[in-house]
């Protein structure tokens, strides 16, 4: 299985792109060109891994997005690996923890 850590630059970028494709059916770079994008996970899709912190207010909104899209997460991607689903679960947990007065720190 590919070595994708929750905090690695490459792993986060790949995961975020797959998330955008799952939700919007388009690459993340297309969303990045929009002036004021809105919708599920948009705060995460537009948040680069070196931009700082996502606080409890945005984390709470993302928790709702994670819950709403949970049933659409494929257990395995076409290559047979489950890395997307595993990271989806880890990111969901991170934002659940942050939504109660915490934060997710990207560095």
PDB file of N, CA and C in Angstrom:
ATOM      1  N   UNK A   1       0.850  -1.189   0.000  1.00  0.00           N
ATOM      2  CA  UNK A   1       0.000   0.000   0.000  1.00  0.00           C
ATOM      3  C   UNK A   1       0.886   1.239   0.000  1.00  0.00           C
ATOM      4  N   UNK A   2       0.494   2.268  -0.736  1.00  0.00           N
ATOM      5  CA  UNK A   2       1.310   3.478  -0.779  1.00  0.00           C
ATOM      6  C   UNK A   2       1.513   4.060   0.614  1.00  0.00           C
ATOM      7  N   UNK A   3       2.691   4.612   0.874  1.00  0.00           N
ATOM      8  CA  UNK A   3       2.999   5.206   2.171  1.00  0.00           C
ATOM      9  C   UNK A   3       2.527   6.637   2.245  1.00  0.00           C
ATOM     10  N   UNK A   4       1.273   6.826   2.588  1.00  0.00           N
ATOM     11  CA  UNK A   4       0.708   8.172   2.677  1.00  0.00           C
ATOM     12  C   UNK A   4       0.386   8.476   4.122  1.00  0.00           C
ATOM     13  N   UNK A   5       1.167   9.337   4.718  1.00  0.00           N
ATOM     14  CA  UNK A   5       0.913   9.744   6.090  1.00  0.00           C
ATOM     15  C   UNK A   5      -0.089  10.887   6.093  1.00  0.00           C
ATOM     16  N   UNK A   6      -0.815  11.016   7.175  1.00  0.00           N
ATOM     17  CA  UNK A   6      -1.823  12.053   7.290  1.00  0.00           C
ATOM     18  C   UNK A   6      -1.210  13.430   7.075  1.00  0.00           C
ATOM     19  N   UNK A   7       0.008  13.625   7.538  1.00  0.00           N
ATOM     20  CA  UNK A   7       0.602  14.943   7.471  1.00  0.00           C
ATOM     21  C   UNK A   7       1.555  15.176   6.320  1.00  0.00           C
ATOM     22  N   UNK A   8       1.784  14.221   5.432  1.00  0.00           N
ATOM     23  CA  UNK A   8       2.755  14.458   4.359  1.00  0.00           C
ATOM     24  C   UNK A   8       2.160  15.367   3.287  1.00  0.00           C
ATOM     25  N   UNK A   9       3.008  16.202   2.714  1.00  0.00           N
ATOM     26  CA  UNK A   9       2.585  17.139   1.681  1.00  0.00           C
ATOM     27  C   UNK A   9       1.980  16.402   0.492  1.00  0.00           C
ATOM     28  N   UNK A  10       2.687  15.409   0.002  1.00  0.00           N
ATOM     29  CA  UNK A  10       2.227  14.668  -1.168  1.00  0.00           C
ATOM     30  C   UNK A  10       0.940  13.909  -0.880  1.00  0.00           C
ATOM     31  N   UNK A  11       0.895  13.218   0.253  1.00  0.00           N
ATOM     32  CA  UNK A  11      -0.292  12.450   0.614  1.00  0.00           C
ATOM     33  C   UNK A  11      -1.516  13.325   0.766  1.00  0.00           C
ATOM     34  N   UNK A  12      -1.360  14.462   1.418  1.00  0.00           N
ATOM     35  CA  UNK A  12      -2.483  15.383   1.592  1.00  0.00           C
ATOM     36  C   UNK A  12      -2.953  15.914   0.242  1.00  0.00           C
ATOM     37  N   UNK A  13      -2.015  16.290  -0.611  1.00  0.00           N
ATOM     38  CA  UNK A  13      -2.382  16.802  -1.925  1.00  0.00           C
ATOM     39  C   UNK A  13      -3.128  15.777  -2.764  1.00  0.00           C
ATOM     40  N   UNK A  14      -2.647  14.547  -2.767  1.00  0.00           N
ATOM     41  CA  UNK A  14      -3.324  13.480  -3.514  1.00  0.00           C
ATOM     42  C   UNK A  14      -4.707  13.200  -2.936  1.00  0.00           C
ATOM     43  N   UNK A  15      -4.786  13.143  -1.612  1.00  0.00           N
ATOM     44  CA  UNK A  15      -6.062  12.850  -0.966  1.00  0.00           C
ATOM     45  C   UNK A  15      -7.062  13.972  -1.231  1.00  0.00           C
ATOM     46  N   UNK A  16      -6.604  15.210  -1.112  1.00  0.00           N
ATOM     47  CA  UNK A  16      -7.475  16.365  -1.331  1.00  0.00           C
ATOM     48  C   UNK A  16      -7.984  16.387  -2.770  1.00  0.00           C
ATOM     49  N   UNK A  17      -7.141  16.025  -3.722  1.00  0.00           N
ATOM     50  CA  UNK A  17      -7.578  15.960  -5.122  1.00  0.00           C
ATOM     51  C   UNK A  17      -8.640  14.892  -5.324  1.00  0.00           C
ATOM     52  N   UNK A  18      -8.442  13.726  -4.713  1.00  0.00           N
ATOM     53  CA  UNK A  18      -9.446  12.651  -4.818  1.00  0.00           C
ATOM     54  C   UNK A  18     -10.756  13.069  -4.155  1.00  0.00           C
ATOM     55  N   UNK A  19     -10.662  13.787  -3.034  1.00  0.00           N
ATOM     56  CA  UNK A  19     -11.858  14.271  -2.353  1.00  0.00           C
ATOM     57  C   UNK A  19     -12.635  15.211  -3.272  1.00  0.00           C
ATOM     58  N   UNK A  20     -11.939  16.120  -3.919  1.00  0.00           N
ATOM     59  CA  UNK A  20     -12.579  17.061  -4.836  1.00  0.00           C
ATOM     60  C   UNK A  20     -13.241  16.321  -5.997  1.00  0.00           C
ATOM     61  N   UNK A  21     -12.559  15.343  -6.539  1.00  0.00           N
ATOM     62  CA  UNK A  21     -13.131  14.564  -7.642  1.00  0.00           C
ATOM     63  C   UNK A  21     -14.363  13.783  -7.188  1.00  0.00           C
ATOM     64  N   UNK A  22     -14.323  13.243  -5.961  1.00  0.00           N
ATOM     65  CA  UNK A  22     -15.469  12.497  -5.447  1.00  0.00           C
ATOM     66  C   UNK A  22     -16.681  13.414  -5.281  1.00  0.00           C
ATOM     67  N   UNK A  23     -16.471  14.607  -4.746  1.00  0.00           N
ATOM     68  CA  UNK A  23     -17.579  15.509  -4.431  1.00  0.00           C
ATOM     69  C   UNK A  23     -18.036  16.306  -5.646  1.00  0.00           C
ATOM     70  N   UNK A  24     -17.096  16.843  -6.403  1.00  0.00           N
ATOM     71  CA  UNK A  24     -17.439  17.765  -7.491  1.00  0.00           C
ATOM     72  C   UNK A  24     -17.252  17.189  -8.891  1.00  0.00           C
ATOM     73  N   UNK A  25     -16.518  16.076  -8.989  1.00  0.00           N
ATOM     74  CA  UNK A  25     -16.281  15.478 -10.297  1.00  0.00           C
ATOM     75  C   UNK A  25     -15.269  16.232 -11.138  1.00  0.00           C
ATOM     76  N   UNK A  26     -14.502  17.123 -10.514  1.00  0.00           N
ATOM     77  CA  UNK A  26     -13.497  17.912 -11.218  1.00  0.00           C
ATOM     78  C   UNK A  26     -12.215  17.950 -10.388  1.00  0.00           C
ATOM     79  N   UNK A  27     -11.081  18.253 -11.012  1.00  0.00           N
ATOM     80  CA  UNK A  27      -9.831  18.355 -10.258  1.00  0.00           C
ATOM     81  C   UNK A  27      -9.836  19.567  -9.322  1.00  0.00           C
ATOM     82  N   UNK A  28      -9.077  19.478  -8.255  1.00  0.00           N
ATOM     83  CA  UNK A  28      -8.995  20.570  -7.280  1.00  0.00           C
ATOM     84  C   UNK A  28      -8.523  21.867  -7.937  1.00  0.00           C
ATOM     85  N   UNK A  29      -7.614  21.770  -8.892  1.00  0.00           N
ATOM     86  CA  UNK A  29      -7.089  22.989  -9.519  1.00  0.00           C
ATOM     87  C   UNK A  29      -8.187  23.794 -10.199  1.00  0.00           C
ATOM     88  N   UNK A  30      -9.261  23.146 -10.621  1.00  0.00           N
ATOM     89  CA  UNK A  30     -10.395  23.857 -11.212  1.00  0.00           C
ATOM     90  C   UNK A  30     -11.107  24.666 -10.135  1.00  0.00           C
ATOM     91  N   UNK A  31     -11.277  24.096  -8.965  1.00  0.00           N
ATOM     92  CA  UNK A  31     -11.906  24.797  -7.835  1.00  0.00           C
ATOM     93  C   UNK A  31     -11.030  25.989  -7.423  1.00  0.00           C
ATOM     94  N   UNK A  32      -9.713  25.798  -7.435  1.00  0.00           N
ATOM     95  CA  UNK A  32      -8.802  26.854  -6.996  1.00  0.00           C
ATOM     96  C   UNK A  32      -8.913  28.102  -7.859  1.00  0.00           C
ATOM     97  N   UNK A  33      -9.351  27.957  -9.088  1.00  0.00           N
ATOM     98  CA  UNK A  33      -9.472  29.097 -10.003  1.00  0.00           C
ATOM     99  C   UNK A  33     -10.749  29.911  -9.764  1.00  0.00           C
ATOM    100  N   UNK A  34     -11.705  29.328  -9.049  1.00  0.00           N
ATOM    101  CA  UNK A  34     -12.959  30.035  -8.805  1.00  0.00           C
ATOM    102  C   UNK A  34     -12.740  31.158  -7.803  1.00  0.00           C
ATOM    103  N   UNK A  35     -13.448  32.256  -8.007  1.00  0.00           N
ATOM    104  CA  UNK A  35     -13.249  33.427  -7.152  1.00  0.00           C
ATOM    105  C   UNK A  35     -13.757  33.201  -5.728  1.00  0.00           C
ATOM    106  N   UNK A  36     -14.947  32.684  -5.561  1.00  0.00           N
ATOM    107  CA  UNK A  36     -15.516  32.442  -4.232  1.00  0.00           C
ATOM    108  C   UNK A  36     -16.261  31.104  -4.217  1.00  0.00           C
ATOM    109  N   UNK A  37     -15.507  30.022  -4.260  1.00  0.00           N
ATOM    110  CA  UNK A  37     -16.180  28.718  -4.283  1.00  0.00           C
ATOM    111  C   UNK A  37     -16.903  28.432  -2.972  1.00  0.00           C
ATOM    112  N   UNK A  38     -17.996  27.704  -3.068  1.00  0.00           N
ATOM    113  CA  UNK A  38     -18.772  27.298  -1.900  1.00  0.00           C
ATOM    114  C   UNK A  38     -19.170  25.854  -2.074  1.00  0.00           C
ATOM    115  N   UNK A  39     -19.437  25.181  -0.962  1.00  0.00           N
ATOM    116  CA  UNK A  39     -19.927  23.819  -1.015  1.00  0.00           C
ATOM    117  C   UNK A  39     -19.216  22.920  -0.033  1.00  0.00           C
ATOM    118  N   UNK A  40     -19.524  21.630  -0.095  1.00  0.00           N
ATOM    119  CA  UNK A  40     -18.919  20.669   0.823  1.00  0.00           C
ATOM    120  C   UNK A  40     -17.402  20.637   0.692  1.00  0.00           C
ATOM    121  N   UNK A  41     -16.734  20.617   1.808  1.00  0.00           N
ATOM    122  CA  UNK A  41     -15.275  20.468   1.900  1.00  0.00           C
ATOM    123  C   UNK A  41     -14.485  21.605   1.258  1.00  0.00           C
ATOM    124  N   UNK A  42     -15.147  22.657   0.819  1.00  0.00           N
ATOM    125  CA  UNK A  42     -14.444  23.686   0.065  1.00  0.00           C
ATOM    126  C   UNK A  42     -13.326  24.310   0.892  1.00  0.00           C
ATOM    127  N   UNK A  43     -13.547  24.455   2.192  1.00  0.00           N
ATOM    128  CA  UNK A  43     -12.521  25.041   3.053  1.00  0.00           C
ATOM    129  C   UNK A  43     -11.273  24.159   3.109  1.00  0.00           C
ATOM    130  N   UNK A  44     -11.461  22.868   3.032  1.00  0.00           N
ATOM    131  CA  UNK A  44     -10.348  21.925   3.061  1.00  0.00           C
ATOM    132  C   UNK A  44      -9.689  21.812   1.679  1.00  0.00           C
ATOM    133  N   UNK A  45     -10.483  21.768   0.647  1.00  0.00           N
ATOM    134  CA  UNK A  45      -9.951  21.679  -0.714  1.00  0.00           C
ATOM    135  C   UNK A  45      -9.102  22.915  -1.033  1.00  0.00           C
ATOM    136  N   UNK A  46      -9.508  24.059  -0.525  1.00  0.00           N
ATOM    137  CA  UNK A  46      -8.779  25.307  -0.771  1.00  0.00           C
ATOM    138  C   UNK A  46      -7.692  25.583   0.259  1.00  0.00           C
ATOM    139  N   UNK A  47      -7.451  24.680   1.177  1.00  0.00           N
ATOM    140  CA  UNK A  47      -6.489  24.906   2.253  1.00  0.00           C
ATOM    141  C   UNK A  47      -5.227  24.098   1.992  1.00  0.00           C
ATOM    142  N   UNK A  48      -4.151  24.797   1.680  1.00  0.00           N
ATOM    143  CA  UNK A  48      -2.889  24.117   1.430  1.00  0.00           C
ATOM    144  C   UNK A  48      -2.252  23.704   2.752  1.00  0.00           C
ATOM    145  N   UNK A  49      -1.418  22.703   2.695  1.00  0.00           N
ATOM    146  CA  UNK A  49      -0.900  22.101   3.925  1.00  0.00           C
ATOM    147  C   UNK A  49       0.116  22.972   4.664  1.00  0.00           C
ATOM    148  N   UNK A  50       0.394  24.152   4.176  1.00  0.00           N
ATOM    149  CA  UNK A  50       1.322  25.040   4.876  1.00  0.00           C
ATOM    150  C   UNK A  50       0.669  26.369   5.235  1.00  0.00           C
ATOM    151  N   UNK A  51      -0.663  26.415   5.255  1.00  0.00           N
ATOM    152  CA  UNK A  51      -1.361  27.679   5.442  1.00  0.00           C
ATOM    153  C   UNK A  51      -1.700  28.013   6.886  1.00  0.00           C
ATOM    154  N   UNK A  52      -1.523  27.113   7.821  1.00  0.00           N
ATOM    155  CA  UNK A  52      -1.795  27.460   9.201  1.00  0.00           C
ATOM    156  C   UNK A  52      -2.790  26.558   9.880  1.00  0.00           C
ATOM    157  N   UNK A  53      -3.851  27.154  10.407  1.00  0.00           N
ATOM    158  CA  UNK A  53      -4.766  26.440  11.300  1.00  0.00           C
ATOM    159  C   UNK A  53      -6.204  26.559  10.814  1.00  0.00           C
ATOM    160  N   UNK A  54      -6.941  25.456  10.937  1.00  0.00           N
ATOM    161  CA  UNK A  54      -8.399  25.482  10.772  1.00  0.00           C
ATOM    162  C   UNK A  54      -8.975  25.352  12.180  1.00  0.00           C
ATOM    163  N   UNK A  55      -9.718  26.353  12.581  1.00  0.00           N
ATOM    164  CA  UNK A  55     -10.268  26.414  13.933  1.00  0.00           C
ATOM    165  C   UNK A  55     -11.603  25.712  14.081  1.00  0.00           C
ATOM    166  N   UNK A  56     -12.201  25.840  15.262  1.00  0.00           N
ATOM    167  CA  UNK A  56     -13.404  25.063  15.593  1.00  0.00           C
ATOM    168  C   UNK A  56     -14.637  25.371  14.750  1.00  0.00           C
ATOM    169  N   UNK A  57     -14.805  26.614  14.311  1.00  0.00           N
ATOM    170  CA  UNK A  57     -15.999  26.962  13.527  1.00  0.00           C
ATOM    171  C   UNK A  57     -15.993  26.246  12.172  1.00  0.00           C
ATOM    172  N   UNK A  58     -14.890  26.364  11.454  1.00  0.00           N
ATOM    173  CA  UNK A  58     -14.775  25.689  10.152  1.00  0.00           C
ATOM    174  C   UNK A  58     -14.710  24.177  10.356  1.00  0.00           C
ATOM    175  N   UNK A  59     -14.036  23.731  11.413  1.00  0.00           N
ATOM    176  CA  UNK A  59     -13.965  22.291  11.705  1.00  0.00           C
ATOM    177  C   UNK A  59     -15.366  21.716  11.897  1.00  0.00           C
ATOM    178  N   UNK A  60     -16.235  22.434  12.589  1.00  0.00           N
ATOM    179  CA  UNK A  60     -17.605  21.958  12.812  1.00  0.00           C
ATOM    180  C   UNK A  60     -18.364  21.839  11.486  1.00  0.00           C
ATOM    181  N   UNK A  61     -18.151  22.788  10.578  1.00  0.00           N
ATOM    182  CA  UNK A  61     -18.789  22.719   9.257  1.00  0.00           C
ATOM    183  C   UNK A  61     -18.253  21.516   8.492  1.00  0.00           C
ATOM    184  N   UNK A  62     -16.935  21.287   8.563  1.00  0.00           N
ATOM    185  CA  UNK A  62     -16.342  20.147   7.864  1.00  0.00           C
ATOM    186  C   UNK A  62     -16.824  18.818   8.434  1.00  0.00           C
ATOM    187  N   UNK A  63     -17.056  18.750   9.729  1.00  0.00           N
ATOM    188  CA  UNK A  63     -17.584  17.529  10.345  1.00  0.00           C
ATOM    189  C   UNK A  63     -18.923  17.166   9.702  1.00  0.00           C
ATOM    190  N   UNK A  64     -19.756  18.163   9.473  1.00  0.00           N
ATOM    191  CA  UNK A  64     -21.041  17.903   8.809  1.00  0.00           C
ATOM    192  C   UNK A  64     -20.831  17.399   7.384  1.00  0.00           C
ATOM    193  N   UNK A  65     -19.856  17.991   6.684  1.00  0.00           N
ATOM    194  CA  UNK A  65     -19.539  17.532   5.326  1.00  0.00           C
ATOM    195  C   UNK A  65     -19.072  16.073   5.350  1.00  0.00           C
ATOM    196  N   UNK A  66     -18.162  15.747   6.278  1.00  0.00           N
ATOM    197  CA  UNK A  66     -17.673  14.376   6.379  1.00  0.00           C
ATOM    198  C   UNK A  66     -18.826  13.402   6.632  1.00  0.00           C
ATOM    199  N   UNK A  67     -19.726  13.766   7.514  1.00  0.00           N
ATOM    200  CA  UNK A  67     -20.866  12.885   7.826  1.00  0.00           C
ATOM    201  C   UNK A  67     -21.767  12.721   6.605  1.00  0.00           C
ATOM    202  N   UNK A  68     -22.031  13.816   5.909  1.00  0.00           N
ATOM    203  CA  UNK A  68     -22.925  13.779   4.747  1.00  0.00           C
ATOM    204  C   UNK A  68     -22.366  12.924   3.615  1.00  0.00           C
ATOM    205  N   UNK A  69     -21.062  12.915   3.432  1.00  0.00           N
ATOM    206  CA  UNK A  69     -20.447  12.213   2.307  1.00  0.00           C
ATOM    207  C   UNK A  69     -19.903  10.837   2.665  1.00  0.00           C
ATOM    208  N   UNK A  70     -19.984  10.440   3.910  1.00  0.00           N
ATOM    209  CA  UNK A  70     -19.396   9.172   4.370  1.00  0.00           C
ATOM    210  C   UNK A  70     -19.825   7.977   3.515  1.00  0.00           C
ATOM    211  N   UNK A  71     -21.089   7.902   3.176  1.00  0.00           N
ATOM    212  CA  UNK A  71     -21.594   6.749   2.414  1.00  0.00           C
ATOM    213  C   UNK A  71     -21.099   6.711   0.967  1.00  0.00           C
ATOM    214  N   UNK A  72     -20.534   7.793   0.497  1.00  0.00           N
ATOM    215  CA  UNK A  72     -20.050   7.843  -0.885  1.00  0.00           C
ATOM    216  C   UNK A  72     -18.557   7.544  -1.000  1.00  0.00           C
ATOM    217  N   UNK A  73     -17.904   7.338   0.130  1.00  0.00           N
ATOM    218  CA  UNK A  73     -16.464   7.060   0.131  1.00  0.00           C
ATOM    219  C   UNK A  73     -16.235   5.618  -0.309  1.00  0.00           C
ATOM    220  N   UNK A  74     -15.482   5.423  -1.381  1.00  0.00           N
ATOM    221  CA  UNK A  74     -15.217   4.047  -1.822  1.00  0.00           C
ATOM    222  C   UNK A  74     -14.299   3.330  -0.827  1.00  0.00           C
ATOM    223  N   UNK A  75     -14.616   2.084  -0.539  1.00  0.00           N
ATOM    224  CA  UNK A  75     -13.784   1.303   0.379  1.00  0.00           C
ATOM    225  C   UNK A  75     -12.396   1.097  -0.206  1.00  0.00           C
ATOM    226  N   UNK A  76     -12.338   0.948  -1.518  1.00  0.00           N
ATOM    227  CA  UNK A  76     -11.049   0.769  -2.198  1.00  0.00           C
ATOM    228  C   UNK A  76     -11.069   1.569  -3.491  1.00  0.00           C
ATOM    229  N   UNK A  77      -9.916   2.128  -3.836  1.00  0.00           N
ATOM    230  CA  UNK A  77      -9.835   2.829  -5.111  1.00  0.00           C
ATOM    231  C   UNK A  77      -9.538   1.814  -6.218  1.00  0.00           C
ATOM    232  N   UNK A  78      -9.551   2.230  -7.470  1.00  0.00           N
ATOM    233  CA  UNK A  78      -9.350   1.276  -8.565  1.00  0.00           C
ATOM    234  C   UNK A  78      -8.069   0.448  -8.471  1.00  0.00           C
ATOM    235  N   UNK A  79      -7.041   0.980  -7.822  1.00  0.00           N
ATOM    236  CA  UNK A  79      -5.791   0.226  -7.695  1.00  0.00           C
ATOM    237  C   UNK A  79      -5.874  -0.850  -6.615  1.00  0.00           C
ATOM    238  N   UNK A  80      -6.980  -0.854  -5.861  1.00  0.00           N
ATOM    239  CA  UNK A  80      -7.149  -1.877  -4.830  1.00  0.00           C
ATOM    240  C   UNK A  80      -6.723  -1.449  -3.443  1.00  0.00           C
ATOM    241  N   UNK A  81      -6.172  -0.244  -3.313  1.00  0.00           N
ATOM    242  CA  UNK A  81      -5.731   0.235  -2.017  1.00  0.00           C
ATOM    243  C   UNK A  81      -6.860   0.985  -1.320  1.00  0.00           C
ATOM    244  N   UNK A  82      -6.829   0.980  -0.014  1.00  0.00           N
ATOM    245  CA  UNK A  82      -7.882   1.633   0.760  1.00  0.00           C
ATOM    246  C   UNK A  82      -7.403   2.943   1.370  1.00  0.00           C
ATOM    247  N   UNK A  83      -6.315   3.523   0.872  1.00  0.00           N
ATOM    248  CA  UNK A  83      -5.726   4.702   1.503  1.00  0.00           C
ATOM    249  C   UNK A  83      -6.672   5.887   1.555  1.00  0.00           C
ATOM    250  N   UNK A  84      -7.501   6.103   0.524  1.00  0.00           N
ATOM    251  CA  UNK A  84      -8.411   7.249   0.539  1.00  0.00           C
ATOM    252  C   UNK A  84      -9.402   7.128   1.688  1.00  0.00           C
ATOM    253  N   UNK A  85     -10.019   5.974   1.833  1.00  0.00           N
ATOM    254  CA  UNK A  85     -10.998   5.764   2.908  1.00  0.00           C
ATOM    255  C   UNK A  85     -10.343   5.873   4.283  1.00  0.00           C
ATOM    256  N   UNK A  86      -9.137   5.354   4.403  1.00  0.00           N
ATOM    257  CA  UNK A  86      -8.438   5.428   5.690  1.00  0.00           C
ATOM    258  C   UNK A  86      -8.139   6.869   6.068  1.00  0.00           C
ATOM    259  N   UNK A  87      -7.666   7.650   5.114  1.00  0.00           N
ATOM    260  CA  UNK A  87      -7.381   9.056   5.404  1.00  0.00           C
ATOM    261  C   UNK A  87      -8.661   9.852   5.621  1.00  0.00           C
ATOM    262  N   UNK A  88      -9.715   9.504   4.923  1.00  0.00           N
ATOM    263  CA  UNK A  88     -11.009  10.161   5.136  1.00  0.00           C
ATOM    264  C   UNK A  88     -11.415   9.994   6.588  1.00  0.00           C
ATOM    265  N   UNK A  89     -11.283   8.796   7.125  1.00  0.00           N
ATOM    266  CA  UNK A  89     -11.636   8.529   8.521  1.00  0.00           C
ATOM    267  C   UNK A  89     -10.737   9.314   9.473  1.00  0.00           C
ATOM    268  N   UNK A  90      -9.446   9.376   9.185  1.00  0.00           N
ATOM    269  CA  UNK A  90      -8.518  10.105  10.052  1.00  0.00           C
ATOM    270  C   UNK A  90      -8.788  11.607  10.023  1.00  0.00           C
ATOM    271  N   UNK A  91      -9.012  12.157   8.837  1.00  0.00           N
ATOM    272  CA  UNK A  91      -9.324  13.586   8.744  1.00  0.00           C
ATOM    273  C   UNK A  91     -10.645  13.892   9.436  1.00  0.00           C
ATOM    274  N   UNK A  92     -11.621  13.028   9.278  1.00  0.00           N
ATOM    275  CA  UNK A  92     -12.917  13.246   9.941  1.00  0.00           C
ATOM    276  C   UNK A  92     -12.720  13.292  11.455  1.00  0.00           C
ATOM    277  N   UNK A  93     -11.954  12.371  11.993  1.00  0.00           N
ATOM    278  CA  UNK A  93     -11.695  12.351  13.427  1.00  0.00           C
ATOM    279  C   UNK A  93     -10.961  13.619  13.864  1.00  0.00           C
ATOM    280  N   UNK A  94      -9.974  14.060  13.091  1.00  0.00           N
ATOM    281  CA  UNK A  94      -9.233  15.274  13.435  1.00  0.00           C
ATOM    282  C   UNK A  94     -10.170  16.480  13.526  1.00  0.00           C
ATOM    283  N   UNK A  95     -11.080  16.606  12.568  1.00  0.00           N
ATOM    284  CA  UNK A  95     -11.993  17.744  12.587  1.00  0.00           C
ATOM    285  C   UNK A  95     -13.078  17.593  13.644  1.00  0.00           C
ATOM    286  N   UNK A  96     -13.469  16.373  13.961  1.00  0.00           N
ATOM    287  CA  UNK A  96     -14.397  16.175  15.077  1.00  0.00           C
ATOM    288  C   UNK A  96     -13.761  16.652  16.374  1.00  0.00           C
ATOM    289  N   UNK A  97     -12.495  16.312  16.582  1.00  0.00           N
ATOM    290  CA  UNK A  97     -11.789  16.748  17.784  1.00  0.00           C
ATOM    291  C   UNK A  97     -11.647  18.271  17.796  1.00  0.00           C
ATOM    292  N   UNK A  98     -11.316  18.860  16.664  1.00  0.00           N
ATOM    293  CA  UNK A  98     -11.114  20.306  16.586  1.00  0.00           C
ATOM    294  C   UNK A  98     -12.414  21.090  16.741  1.00  0.00           C
ATOM    295  N   UNK A  99     -13.535  20.492  16.384  1.00  0.00           N
ATOM    296  CA  UNK A  99     -14.811  21.207  16.417  1.00  0.00           C
ATOM    297  C   UNK A  99     -15.265  21.552  17.828  1.00  0.00           C
ATOM    298  N   UNK A 100     -14.663  20.942  18.811  1.00  0.00           N
ATOM    299  CA  UNK A 100     -15.032  21.185  20.210  1.00  0.00           C
ATOM    300  C   UNK A 100     -13.998  22.096  20.880  1.00  0.00           C
ATOM    301  N   UNK A 101     -13.729  23.233  20.255  1.00  0.00           N
ATOM    302  CA  UNK A 101     -12.829  24.210  20.822  1.00  0.00           C
ATOM    303  C   UNK A 101     -11.363  24.009  20.485  1.00  0.00           C
ATOM    304  N   UNK A 102     -11.051  23.105  19.560  1.00  0.00           N
ATOM    305  CA  UNK A 102      -9.670  22.854  19.180  1.00  0.00           C
ATOM    306  C   UNK A 102      -9.341  23.428  17.823  1.00  0.00           C
ATOM    307  N   UNK A 103      -8.314  22.884  17.201  1.00  0.00           N
ATOM    308  CA  UNK A 103      -7.886  23.334  15.878  1.00  0.00           C
ATOM    309  C   UNK A 103      -7.077  22.240  15.224  1.00  0.00           C
ATOM    310  N   UNK A 104      -7.025  22.270  13.901  1.00  0.00           N
ATOM    311  CA  UNK A 104      -6.142  21.388  13.134  1.00  0.00           C
ATOM    312  C   UNK A 104      -5.038  22.279  12.588  1.00  0.00           C
ATOM    313  N   UNK A 105      -3.802  21.967  12.960  1.00  0.00           N
ATOM    314  CA  UNK A 105      -2.639  22.767  12.600  1.00  0.00           C
ATOM    315  C   UNK A 105      -1.936  22.134  11.416  1.00  0.00           C
ATOM    316  N   UNK A 106      -1.828  22.884  10.336  1.00  0.00           N
ATOM    317  CA  UNK A 106      -1.129  22.417   9.133  1.00  0.00           C
ATOM    318  C   UNK A 106       0.255  23.029   9.139  1.00  0.00           C
ATOM    319  N   UNK A 107       1.281  22.189   9.130  1.00  0.00           N
ATOM    320  CA  UNK A 107       2.664  22.709   9.093  1.00  0.00           C
ATOM    321  C   UNK A 107       3.582  21.735   8.418  1.00  0.00           C
TER     322      UNK A 107
END
